[in-house]
Amino acid sequence: MVVIRMARGGAKKRPFYQIVVADKRAPRDGRHIQKIGFFNPLARGQEESFRIDLDSYNAWIAKGAKPTDRIVQLVKQAQK
């Protein structure tokens, strides 16, 4: 099964997440099919905290990919 989830990057205590489309069996930070955005929970000031390519996201959803609960929550916020 294909899932849409976050892959962690960044330094220790400074998380930065890539939003990726990956096989469910792959490790969290392992191989992925496509990067479709990012999430920076520690963004300050004018920094962008969240970006996602909604066209790619919707295309993967139409193909049967399952997003995690956190991704669904972030996309709903972005669409407002």
PDB file of N, CA and C in Angstrom:
ATOM      1  N   MET A   1       0.845  -1.175   0.000  1.00  0.00           N
ATOM      2  CA  MET A   1       0.000   0.000   0.000  1.00  0.00           C
ATOM      3  C   MET A   1       0.897   1.248   0.000  1.00  0.00           C
ATOM      4  N   VAL A   2       0.417   2.288  -0.626  1.00  0.00           N
ATOM      5  CA  VAL A   2       1.140   3.554  -0.702  1.00  0.00           C
ATOM      6  C   VAL A   2       0.548   4.524   0.318  1.00  0.00           C
ATOM      7  N   VAL A   3       1.434   5.218   1.039  1.00  0.00           N
ATOM      8  CA  VAL A   3       1.004   6.175   2.061  1.00  0.00           C
ATOM      9  C   VAL A   3       1.649   7.537   1.818  1.00  0.00           C
ATOM     10  N   ILE A   4       0.994   8.567   2.322  1.00  0.00           N
ATOM     11  CA  ILE A   4       1.549   9.917   2.303  1.00  0.00           C
ATOM     12  C   ILE A   4       1.878  10.245   3.747  1.00  0.00           C
ATOM     13  N   ARG A   5       3.174  10.462   4.015  1.00  0.00           N
ATOM     14  CA  ARG A   5       3.601  10.677   5.398  1.00  0.00           C
ATOM     15  C   ARG A   5       4.785  11.630   5.444  1.00  0.00           C
ATOM     16  N   MET A   6       5.238  11.907   6.659  1.00  0.00           N
ATOM     17  CA  MET A   6       6.367  12.813   6.854  1.00  0.00           C
ATOM     18  C   MET A   6       7.642  12.016   7.092  1.00  0.00           C
ATOM     19  N   ALA A   7       8.729  12.468   6.478  1.00  0.00           N
ATOM     20  CA  ALA A   7      10.063  11.905   6.706  1.00  0.00           C
ATOM     21  C   ALA A   7      10.870  12.971   7.438  1.00  0.00           C
ATOM     22  N   ARG A   8      11.436  12.610   8.577  1.00  0.00           N
ATOM     23  CA  ARG A   8      12.114  13.594   9.421  1.00  0.00           C
ATOM     24  C   ARG A   8      13.507  13.900   8.902  1.00  0.00           C
ATOM     25  N   GLY A   9      13.847  15.163   8.995  1.00  0.00           N
ATOM     26  CA  GLY A   9      15.190  15.633   8.677  1.00  0.00           C
ATOM     27  C   GLY A   9      15.556  16.706   9.674  1.00  0.00           C
ATOM     28  N   GLY A  10      16.588  17.472   9.382  1.00  0.00           N
ATOM     29  CA  GLY A  10      16.988  18.539  10.285  1.00  0.00           C
ATOM     30  C   GLY A  10      17.954  18.046  11.337  1.00  0.00           C
ATOM     31  N   ALA A  11      18.329  18.941  12.213  1.00  0.00           N
ATOM     32  CA  ALA A  11      19.292  18.635  13.260  1.00  0.00           C
ATOM     33  C   ALA A  11      18.581  18.155  14.526  1.00  0.00           C
ATOM     34  N   LYS A  12      19.390  17.760  15.491  1.00  0.00           N
ATOM     35  CA  LYS A  12      18.841  17.328  16.769  1.00  0.00           C
ATOM     36  C   LYS A  12      18.093  18.488  17.425  1.00  0.00           C
ATOM     37  N   LYS A  13      16.883  18.246  17.853  1.00  0.00           N
ATOM     38  CA  LYS A  13      15.991  19.232  18.485  1.00  0.00           C
ATOM     39  C   LYS A  13      15.597  20.376  17.546  1.00  0.00           C
ATOM     40  N   ARG A  14      15.809  20.225  16.241  1.00  0.00           N
ATOM     41  CA  ARG A  14      15.390  21.194  15.219  1.00  0.00           C
ATOM     42  C   ARG A  14      14.752  20.417  14.073  1.00  0.00           C
ATOM     43  N   PRO A  15      13.566  19.849  14.289  1.00  0.00           N
ATOM     44  CA  PRO A  15      12.982  18.985  13.269  1.00  0.00           C
ATOM     45  C   PRO A  15      12.547  19.742  12.012  1.00  0.00           C
ATOM     46  N   PHE A  16      12.628  19.053  10.898  1.00  0.00           N
ATOM     47  CA  PHE A  16      12.147  19.532   9.611  1.00  0.00           C
ATOM     48  C   PHE A  16      11.635  18.298   8.892  1.00  0.00           C
ATOM     49  N   TYR A  17      10.433  18.356   8.364  1.00  0.00           N
ATOM     50  CA  TYR A  17       9.812  17.177   7.772  1.00  0.00           C
ATOM     51  C   TYR A  17       9.553  17.377   6.283  1.00  0.00           C
ATOM     52  N   GLN A  18       9.924  16.394   5.485  1.00  0.00           N
ATOM     53  CA  GLN A  18       9.542  16.340   4.082  1.00  0.00           C
ATOM     54  C   GLN A  18       8.241  15.547   4.013  1.00  0.00           C
ATOM     55  N   ILE A  19       7.304  15.988   3.212  1.00  0.00           N
ATOM     56  CA  ILE A  19       6.069  15.223   3.002  1.00  0.00           C
ATOM     57  C   ILE A  19       6.308  14.373   1.764  1.00  0.00           C
ATOM     58  N   VAL A  20       6.258  13.063   1.952  1.00  0.00           N
ATOM     59  CA  VAL A  20       6.623  12.140   0.886  1.00  0.00           C
ATOM     60  C   VAL A  20       5.523  11.110   0.646  1.00  0.00           C
ATOM     61  N   VAL A  21       5.551  10.570  -0.559  1.00  0.00           N
ATOM     62  CA  VAL A  21       4.702   9.441  -0.922  1.00  0.00           C
ATOM     63  C   VAL A  21       5.627   8.231  -0.897  1.00  0.00           C
ATOM     64  N   ALA A  22       5.275   7.216  -0.118  1.00  0.00           N
ATOM     65  CA  ALA A  22       6.162   6.071   0.054  1.00  0.00           C
ATOM     66  C   ALA A  22       5.368   4.779   0.193  1.00  0.00           C
ATOM     67  N   ASP A  23       6.063   3.674  -0.006  1.00  0.00           N
ATOM     68  CA  ASP A  23       5.481   2.367   0.265  1.00  0.00           C
ATOM     69  C   ASP A  23       5.378   2.222   1.778  1.00  0.00           C
ATOM     70  N   LYS A  24       4.311   1.639   2.248  1.00  0.00           N
ATOM     71  CA  LYS A  24       4.081   1.515   3.692  1.00  0.00           C
ATOM     72  C   LYS A  24       5.184   0.716   4.374  1.00  0.00           C
ATOM     73  N   ARG A  25       5.788  -0.230   3.656  1.00  0.00           N
ATOM     74  CA  ARG A  25       6.805  -1.104   4.246  1.00  0.00           C
ATOM     75  C   ARG A  25       8.170  -0.444   4.362  1.00  0.00           C
ATOM     76  N   ALA A  26       8.369   0.691   3.695  1.00  0.00           N
ATOM     77  CA  ALA A  26       9.659   1.390   3.737  1.00  0.00           C
ATOM     78  C   ALA A  26       9.833   2.081   5.089  1.00  0.00           C
ATOM     79  N   PRO A  27      11.082   2.224   5.548  1.00  0.00           N
ATOM     80  CA  PRO A  27      11.320   2.937   6.804  1.00  0.00           C
ATOM     81  C   PRO A  27      10.878   4.399   6.709  1.00  0.00           C
ATOM     82  N   ARG A  28      10.628   5.006   7.853  1.00  0.00           N
ATOM     83  CA  ARG A  28      10.127   6.385   7.893  1.00  0.00           C
ATOM     84  C   ARG A  28      11.001   7.339   7.090  1.00  0.00           C
ATOM     85  N   ASP A  29      12.302   7.262   7.267  1.00  0.00           N
ATOM     86  CA  ASP A  29      13.223   8.162   6.573  1.00  0.00           C
ATOM     87  C   ASP A  29      13.890   7.483   5.384  1.00  0.00           C
ATOM     88  N   GLY A  30      13.359   6.354   4.975  1.00  0.00           N
ATOM     89  CA  GLY A  30      13.977   5.582   3.901  1.00  0.00           C
ATOM     90  C   GLY A  30      13.502   5.980   2.519  1.00  0.00           C
ATOM     91  N   ARG A  31      13.475   4.997   1.653  1.00  0.00           N
ATOM     92  CA  ARG A  31      13.144   5.224   0.260  1.00  0.00           C
ATOM     93  C   ARG A  31      11.722   5.732   0.105  1.00  0.00           C
ATOM     94  N   HIS A  32      11.541   6.657  -0.824  1.00  0.00           N
ATOM     95  CA  HIS A  32      10.216   7.189  -1.088  1.00  0.00           C
ATOM     96  C   HIS A  32      10.013   7.284  -2.597  1.00  0.00           C
ATOM     97  N   ILE A  33       8.764   7.474  -3.003  1.00  0.00           N
ATOM     98  CA  ILE A  33       8.418   7.555  -4.413  1.00  0.00           C
ATOM     99  C   ILE A  33       8.527   8.988  -4.913  1.00  0.00           C
ATOM    100  N   GLN A  34       7.984   9.932  -4.134  1.00  0.00           N
ATOM    101  CA  GLN A  34       7.964  11.333  -4.563  1.00  0.00           C
ATOM    102  C   GLN A  34       7.879  12.246  -3.352  1.00  0.00           C
ATOM    103  N   LYS A  35       8.584  13.381  -3.406  1.00  0.00           N
ATOM    104  CA  LYS A  35       8.443  14.431  -2.402  1.00  0.00           C
ATOM    105  C   LYS A  35       7.373  15.386  -2.906  1.00  0.00           C
ATOM    106  N   ILE A  36       6.395  15.695  -2.035  1.00  0.00           N
ATOM    107  CA  ILE A  36       5.330  16.590  -2.477  1.00  0.00           C
ATOM    108  C   ILE A  36       5.208  17.843  -1.612  1.00  0.00           C
ATOM    109  N   GLY A  37       6.066  18.000  -0.612  1.00  0.00           N
ATOM    110  CA  GLY A  37       6.003  19.200   0.206  1.00  0.00           C
ATOM    111  C   GLY A  37       6.905  19.113   1.414  1.00  0.00           C
ATOM    112  N   PHE A  38       6.721  20.080   2.330  1.00  0.00           N
ATOM    113  CA  PHE A  38       7.490  20.084   3.565  1.00  0.00           C
ATOM    114  C   PHE A  38       6.676  20.706   4.687  1.00  0.00           C
ATOM    115  N   PHE A  39       7.117  20.442   5.933  1.00  0.00           N
ATOM    116  CA  PHE A  39       6.514  21.012   7.133  1.00  0.00           C
ATOM    117  C   PHE A  39       7.642  21.381   8.078  1.00  0.00           C
ATOM    118  N   ASN A  40       7.673  22.660   8.493  1.00  0.00           N
ATOM    119  CA  ASN A  40       8.674  23.157   9.424  1.00  0.00           C
ATOM    120  C   ASN A  40       7.949  23.629  10.678  1.00  0.00           C
ATOM    121  N   PRO A  41       7.885  22.802  11.727  1.00  0.00           N
ATOM    122  CA  PRO A  41       7.129  23.179  12.926  1.00  0.00           C
ATOM    123  C   PRO A  41       7.760  24.325  13.712  1.00  0.00           C
ATOM    124  N   LEU A  42       9.029  24.637  13.475  1.00  0.00           N
ATOM    125  CA  LEU A  42       9.703  25.692  14.224  1.00  0.00           C
ATOM    126  C   LEU A  42       9.915  26.952  13.392  1.00  0.00           C
ATOM    127  N   ALA A  43       9.125  27.156  12.359  1.00  0.00           N
ATOM    128  CA  ALA A  43       9.270  28.341  11.508  1.00  0.00           C
ATOM    129  C   ALA A  43       8.970  29.596  12.309  1.00  0.00           C
ATOM    130  N   ARG A  44       9.765  30.634  12.045  1.00  0.00           N
ATOM    131  CA  ARG A  44       9.598  31.902  12.761  1.00  0.00           C
ATOM    132  C   ARG A  44       9.456  33.036  11.769  1.00  0.00           C
ATOM    133  N   GLY A  45       8.745  34.061  12.172  1.00  0.00           N
ATOM    134  CA  GLY A  45       8.638  35.271  11.368  1.00  0.00           C
ATOM    135  C   GLY A  45       8.056  35.021   9.990  1.00  0.00           C
ATOM    136  N   GLN A  46       8.801  35.414   8.970  1.00  0.00           N
ATOM    137  CA  GLN A  46       8.329  35.309   7.591  1.00  0.00           C
ATOM    138  C   GLN A  46       8.594  33.938   6.969  1.00  0.00           C
ATOM    139  N   GLU A  47       9.226  33.037   7.695  1.00  0.00           N
ATOM    140  CA  GLU A  47       9.520  31.710   7.156  1.00  0.00           C
ATOM    141  C   GLU A  47       8.229  30.957   6.873  1.00  0.00           C
ATOM    142  N   GLU A  48       8.243  30.208   5.805  1.00  0.00           N
ATOM    143  CA  GLU A  48       7.084  29.397   5.437  1.00  0.00           C
ATOM    144  C   GLU A  48       7.124  28.113   6.257  1.00  0.00           C
ATOM    145  N   SER A  49       6.013  27.780   6.918  1.00  0.00           N
ATOM    146  CA  SER A  49       6.015  26.602   7.777  1.00  0.00           C
ATOM    147  C   SER A  49       5.475  25.352   7.096  1.00  0.00           C
ATOM    148  N   PHE A  50       4.671  25.529   6.046  1.00  0.00           N
ATOM    149  CA  PHE A  50       4.064  24.372   5.403  1.00  0.00           C
ATOM    150  C   PHE A  50       3.841  24.667   3.923  1.00  0.00           C
ATOM    151  N   ARG A  51       4.209  23.716   3.084  1.00  0.00           N
ATOM    152  CA  ARG A  51       3.929  23.824   1.653  1.00  0.00           C
ATOM    153  C   ARG A  51       3.676  22.415   1.123  1.00  0.00           C
ATOM    154  N   ILE A  52       2.650  22.297   0.281  1.00  0.00           N
ATOM    155  CA  ILE A  52       2.354  21.009  -0.344  1.00  0.00           C
ATOM    156  C   ILE A  52       1.846  21.259  -1.755  1.00  0.00           C
ATOM    157  N   ASP A  53       2.219  20.391  -2.662  1.00  0.00           N
ATOM    158  CA  ASP A  53       1.734  20.455  -4.035  1.00  0.00           C
ATOM    159  C   ASP A  53       0.371  19.746  -4.047  1.00  0.00           C
ATOM    160  N   LEU A  54      -0.700  20.530  -3.991  1.00  0.00           N
ATOM    161  CA  LEU A  54      -2.043  19.953  -3.877  1.00  0.00           C
ATOM    162  C   LEU A  54      -2.439  19.127  -5.092  1.00  0.00           C
ATOM    163  N   ASP A  55      -1.922  19.468  -6.281  1.00  0.00           N
ATOM    164  CA  ASP A  55      -2.227  18.673  -7.467  1.00  0.00           C
ATOM    165  C   ASP A  55      -1.671  17.259  -7.327  1.00  0.00           C
ATOM    166  N   SER A  56      -0.421  17.154  -6.886  1.00  0.00           N
ATOM    167  CA  SER A  56       0.183  15.838  -6.669  1.00  0.00           C
ATOM    168  C   SER A  56      -0.514  15.093  -5.535  1.00  0.00           C
ATOM    169  N   TYR A  57      -0.822  15.820  -4.468  1.00  0.00           N
ATOM    170  CA  TYR A  57      -1.514  15.213  -3.326  1.00  0.00           C
ATOM    171  C   TYR A  57      -2.842  14.602  -3.764  1.00  0.00           C
ATOM    172  N   ASN A  58      -3.650  15.383  -4.488  1.00  0.00           N
ATOM    173  CA  ASN A  58      -4.950  14.887  -4.939  1.00  0.00           C
ATOM    174  C   ASN A  58      -4.816  13.739  -5.939  1.00  0.00           C
ATOM    175  N   ALA A  59      -3.782  13.784  -6.774  1.00  0.00           N
ATOM    176  CA  ALA A  59      -3.553  12.703  -7.729  1.00  0.00           C
ATOM    177  C   ALA A  59      -3.226  11.399  -7.000  1.00  0.00           C
ATOM    178  N   TRP A  60      -2.389  11.463  -5.975  1.00  0.00           N
ATOM    179  CA  TRP A  60      -2.045  10.260  -5.209  1.00  0.00           C
ATOM    180  C   TRP A  60      -3.244   9.750  -4.413  1.00  0.00           C
ATOM    181  N   ILE A  61      -4.055  10.653  -3.876  1.00  0.00           N
ATOM    182  CA  ILE A  61      -5.268  10.236  -3.161  1.00  0.00           C
ATOM    183  C   ILE A  61      -6.198   9.499  -4.124  1.00  0.00           C
ATOM    184  N   ALA A  62      -6.324  10.014  -5.354  1.00  0.00           N
ATOM    185  CA  ALA A  62      -7.181   9.373  -6.361  1.00  0.00           C
ATOM    186  C   ALA A  62      -6.658   7.988  -6.729  1.00  0.00           C
ATOM    187  N   LYS A  63      -5.344   7.793  -6.632  1.00  0.00           N
ATOM    188  CA  LYS A  63      -4.745   6.485  -6.946  1.00  0.00           C
ATOM    189  C   LYS A  63      -4.836   5.515  -5.770  1.00  0.00           C
ATOM    190  N   GLY A  64      -5.303   5.995  -4.612  1.00  0.00           N
ATOM    191  CA  GLY A  64      -5.507   5.103  -3.474  1.00  0.00           C
ATOM    192  C   GLY A  64      -4.514   5.266  -2.342  1.00  0.00           C
ATOM    193  N   ALA A  65      -3.663   6.268  -2.377  1.00  0.00           N
ATOM    194  CA  ALA A  65      -2.709   6.494  -1.285  1.00  0.00           C
ATOM    195  C   ALA A  65      -3.450   6.957  -0.039  1.00  0.00           C
ATOM    196  N   LYS A  66      -3.000   6.510   1.111  1.00  0.00           N
ATOM    197  CA  LYS A  66      -3.625   6.868   2.378  1.00  0.00           C
ATOM    198  C   LYS A  66      -2.749   7.862   3.139  1.00  0.00           C
ATOM    199  N   PRO A  67      -3.241   9.076   3.400  1.00  0.00           N
ATOM    200  CA  PRO A  67      -2.452  10.033   4.182  1.00  0.00           C
ATOM    201  C   PRO A  67      -2.556   9.738   5.676  1.00  0.00           C
ATOM    202  N   THR A  68      -1.528  10.141   6.417  1.00  0.00           N
ATOM    203  CA  THR A  68      -1.581   9.991   7.867  1.00  0.00           C
ATOM    204  C   THR A  68      -2.539  11.041   8.431  1.00  0.00           C
ATOM    205  N   ASP A  69      -2.927  10.890   9.672  1.00  0.00           N
ATOM    206  CA  ASP A  69      -3.851  11.828  10.312  1.00  0.00           C
ATOM    207  C   ASP A  69      -3.271  13.242  10.344  1.00  0.00           C
ATOM    208  N   ARG A  70      -1.988  13.360  10.631  1.00  0.00           N
ATOM    209  CA  ARG A  70      -1.346  14.673  10.702  1.00  0.00           C
ATOM    210  C   ARG A  70      -1.328  15.361   9.332  1.00  0.00           C
ATOM    211  N   ILE A  71      -1.099  14.620   8.284  1.00  0.00           N
ATOM    212  CA  ILE A  71      -1.098  15.186   6.932  1.00  0.00           C
ATOM    213  C   ILE A  71      -2.490  15.692   6.582  1.00  0.00           C
ATOM    214  N   VAL A  72      -3.525  14.924   6.905  1.00  0.00           N
ATOM    215  CA  VAL A  72      -4.901  15.350   6.637  1.00  0.00           C
ATOM    216  C   VAL A  72      -5.192  16.660   7.363  1.00  0.00           C
ATOM    217  N   GLN A  73      -4.768  16.753   8.602  1.00  0.00           N
ATOM    218  CA  GLN A  73      -4.977  17.966   9.406  1.00  0.00           C
ATOM    219  C   GLN A  73      -4.252  19.162   8.790  1.00  0.00           C
ATOM    220  N   LEU A  74      -3.026  18.990   8.356  1.00  0.00           N
ATOM    221  CA  LEU A  74      -2.260  20.086   7.766  1.00  0.00           C
ATOM    222  C   LEU A  74      -2.850  20.543   6.438  1.00  0.00           C
ATOM    223  N   VAL A  75      -3.313  19.602   5.632  1.00  0.00           N
ATOM    224  CA  VAL A  75      -3.911  19.959   4.333  1.00  0.00           C
ATOM    225  C   VAL A  75      -5.210  20.721   4.529  1.00  0.00           C
ATOM    226  N   LYS A  76      -6.011  20.323   5.512  1.00  0.00           N
ATOM    227  CA  LYS A  76      -7.252  21.067   5.795  1.00  0.00           C
ATOM    228  C   LYS A  76      -6.947  22.499   6.195  1.00  0.00           C
ATOM    229  N   GLN A  77      -5.903  22.700   7.000  1.00  0.00           N
ATOM    230  CA  GLN A  77      -5.500  24.047   7.394  1.00  0.00           C
ATOM    231  C   GLN A  77      -5.033  24.850   6.183  1.00  0.00           C
ATOM    232  N   ALA A  78      -4.296  24.219   5.287  1.00  0.00           N
ATOM    233  CA  ALA A  78      -3.764  24.910   4.110  1.00  0.00           C
ATOM    234  C   ALA A  78      -4.866  25.315   3.137  1.00  0.00           C
ATOM    235  N   GLN A  79      -5.941  24.552   3.072  1.00  0.00           N
ATOM    236  CA  GLN A  79      -7.012  24.833   2.129  1.00  0.00           C
ATOM    237  C   GLN A  79      -7.914  25.952   2.600  1.00  0.00           C
ATOM    238  N   LYS A  80      -7.818  26.359   3.859  1.00  0.00           N
ATOM    239  CA  LYS A  80      -8.657  27.439   4.385  1.00  0.00           C
ATOM    240  C   LYS A  80      -8.170  28.788   3.899  1.00  0.00           C
TER     241      LYS A  80
END
